[in-house]
Protein backbone atom coordinates (compact mmCIF):
# COMPACT_ATOMS: atom_id res chain seq x y z
CA UNK A 1 0.59 -113.56 46.91
CA UNK A 2 2.67 -115.67 44.55
CA UNK A 3 -0.44 -117.68 43.67
CA UNK A 4 -2.27 -114.51 42.72
CA UNK A 5 0.54 -113.48 40.37
CA UNK A 6 0.60 -116.94 38.88
CA UNK A 7 -3.13 -116.82 38.25
CA UNK A 8 -2.88 -113.37 36.71
CA UNK A 9 -0.04 -114.57 34.49
CA UNK A 10 -2.29 -117.41 33.32
CA UNK A 11 -5.07 -114.96 32.43
CA UNK A 12 -2.62 -112.73 30.55
CA UNK A 13 -1.19 -115.75 28.74
CA UNK A 14 -4.69 -116.87 27.78
CA UNK A 15 -5.48 -113.47 26.26
CA UNK A 16 -2.12 -113.30 24.49
CA UNK A 17 -2.74 -116.72 22.96
CA UNK A 18 -6.16 -115.89 21.54
CA UNK A 19 -6.42 -115.71 17.77
CA UNK A 20 -7.66 -112.11 18.03
CA UNK A 21 -4.60 -110.97 19.97
CA UNK A 22 -2.24 -112.82 17.67
CA UNK A 23 -3.99 -111.29 14.66
CA UNK A 24 -3.63 -107.80 16.22
CA UNK A 25 0.11 -108.29 16.65
CA UNK A 26 0.52 -109.52 13.10
CA UNK A 27 -1.59 -106.74 11.61
CA UNK A 28 0.13 -104.07 13.68
CA UNK A 29 3.48 -105.14 12.25
CA UNK A 30 2.06 -104.94 8.74
CA UNK A 31 0.49 -101.54 9.42
CA UNK A 32 3.82 -100.23 10.69
CA UNK A 33 5.22 -101.00 7.24
CA UNK A 34 2.33 -99.34 5.39
CA UNK A 35 3.24 -95.77 4.44
CA UNK A 36 -0.36 -94.77 3.74
CA UNK A 37 -1.51 -95.83 7.20
CA UNK A 38 1.48 -94.24 8.92
CA UNK A 39 0.90 -90.99 7.06
CA UNK A 40 -2.81 -90.90 7.89
CA UNK A 41 -2.16 -91.66 11.57
CA UNK A 42 0.40 -88.86 11.76
CA UNK A 43 -1.95 -86.43 10.04
CA UNK A 44 -4.77 -87.40 12.42
CA UNK A 45 -2.51 -86.83 15.42
CA UNK A 46 -1.55 -83.37 14.11
CA UNK A 47 -5.18 -82.45 13.48
CA UNK A 48 -6.19 -83.71 16.94
CA UNK A 49 -3.56 -81.49 18.56
CA UNK A 50 -4.68 -78.59 16.41
CA UNK A 51 -8.31 -79.23 17.36
CA UNK A 52 -7.48 -79.27 21.07
CA UNK A 53 -5.73 -75.91 20.76
CA UNK A 54 -8.28 -74.36 18.43
CA UNK A 55 -11.58 -76.27 18.15
CA UNK A 56 -13.44 -75.55 14.94
CA UNK A 57 -15.95 -77.24 12.69
CA UNK A 58 -13.46 -77.18 9.84
CA UNK A 59 -10.83 -79.13 11.78
CA UNK A 60 -13.48 -81.52 13.10
CA UNK A 61 -14.64 -82.18 9.53
CA UNK A 62 -11.04 -82.76 8.42
CA UNK A 63 -10.57 -85.23 11.28
CA UNK A 64 -13.73 -87.10 10.30
CA UNK A 65 -12.53 -87.30 6.71
CA UNK A 66 -9.08 -88.55 7.72
CA UNK A 67 -10.60 -91.14 10.07
CA UNK A 68 -12.93 -92.29 7.32
CA UNK A 69 -9.96 -92.70 4.96
CA UNK A 70 -8.07 -94.69 7.60
CA UNK A 71 -11.06 -96.90 8.39
CA UNK A 72 -11.57 -97.64 4.70
CA UNK A 73 -8.20 -99.42 4.56
CA UNK A 74 -9.03 -103.13 5.00
CA UNK A 75 -6.01 -104.05 7.14
CA UNK A 76 -6.79 -101.22 9.57
CA UNK A 77 -10.47 -102.19 9.74
CA UNK A 78 -9.63 -105.83 10.48
CA UNK A 79 -7.11 -104.70 13.12
CA UNK A 80 -9.73 -102.52 14.83
CA UNK A 81 -12.28 -105.35 14.91
CA UNK A 82 -9.78 -107.78 16.44
CA UNK A 83 -8.59 -105.14 18.90
CA UNK A 84 -12.19 -104.60 20.01
CA UNK A 85 -12.51 -108.33 20.74
CA UNK A 86 -9.26 -108.34 22.73
CA UNK A 87 -10.42 -105.31 24.70
CA UNK A 88 -13.72 -107.06 25.43
CA UNK A 89 -11.79 -109.95 26.98
CA UNK A 90 -9.69 -107.57 29.06
CA UNK A 91 -12.82 -105.69 30.15
CA UNK A 92 -14.47 -108.97 31.12
CA UNK A 93 -11.50 -109.91 33.33
CA UNK A 94 -11.41 -106.43 34.88
CA UNK A 95 -15.16 -106.43 35.53
CA UNK A 96 -15.02 -109.93 37.00
CA UNK A 97 -12.21 -108.92 39.36
CA UNK A 98 -14.08 -105.77 40.36
CA UNK A 99 -17.22 -107.81 41.09
CA UNK A 100 -15.23 -110.35 43.05
CA UNK A 101 -13.57 -107.73 45.25
CA UNK A 102 -16.79 -105.78 45.60
CA UNK A 103 -18.57 -108.92 46.86
CA UNK A 104 -15.62 -109.80 49.09
CA UNK A 105 -15.40 -106.41 50.81
CA UNK A 106 -19.14 -105.74 51.03
CA UNK A 107 -20.19 -108.92 52.76
């Protein structure tokens, strides 16, 4: 079992060392210092909670507008693109493991 953990640690280390992951970490730190981004994220969270409690077209439109504002900030957009690439790598590993175990147990 120790070998399995070691192999998983290697996969995690590989992903953490990718330029996309490193860029995400760096950009996240910068976004945490950006008052505009923090404010928009907080407002989006509030509107999402409000929408869950009381769904309406007006709140949905406000959410779309807030999301559009957030996505128009270059640092946030770059972060999202890099995060998507990191998630693709994680999904690939997960899917590969699922396929491996599926093949193993369905022989």
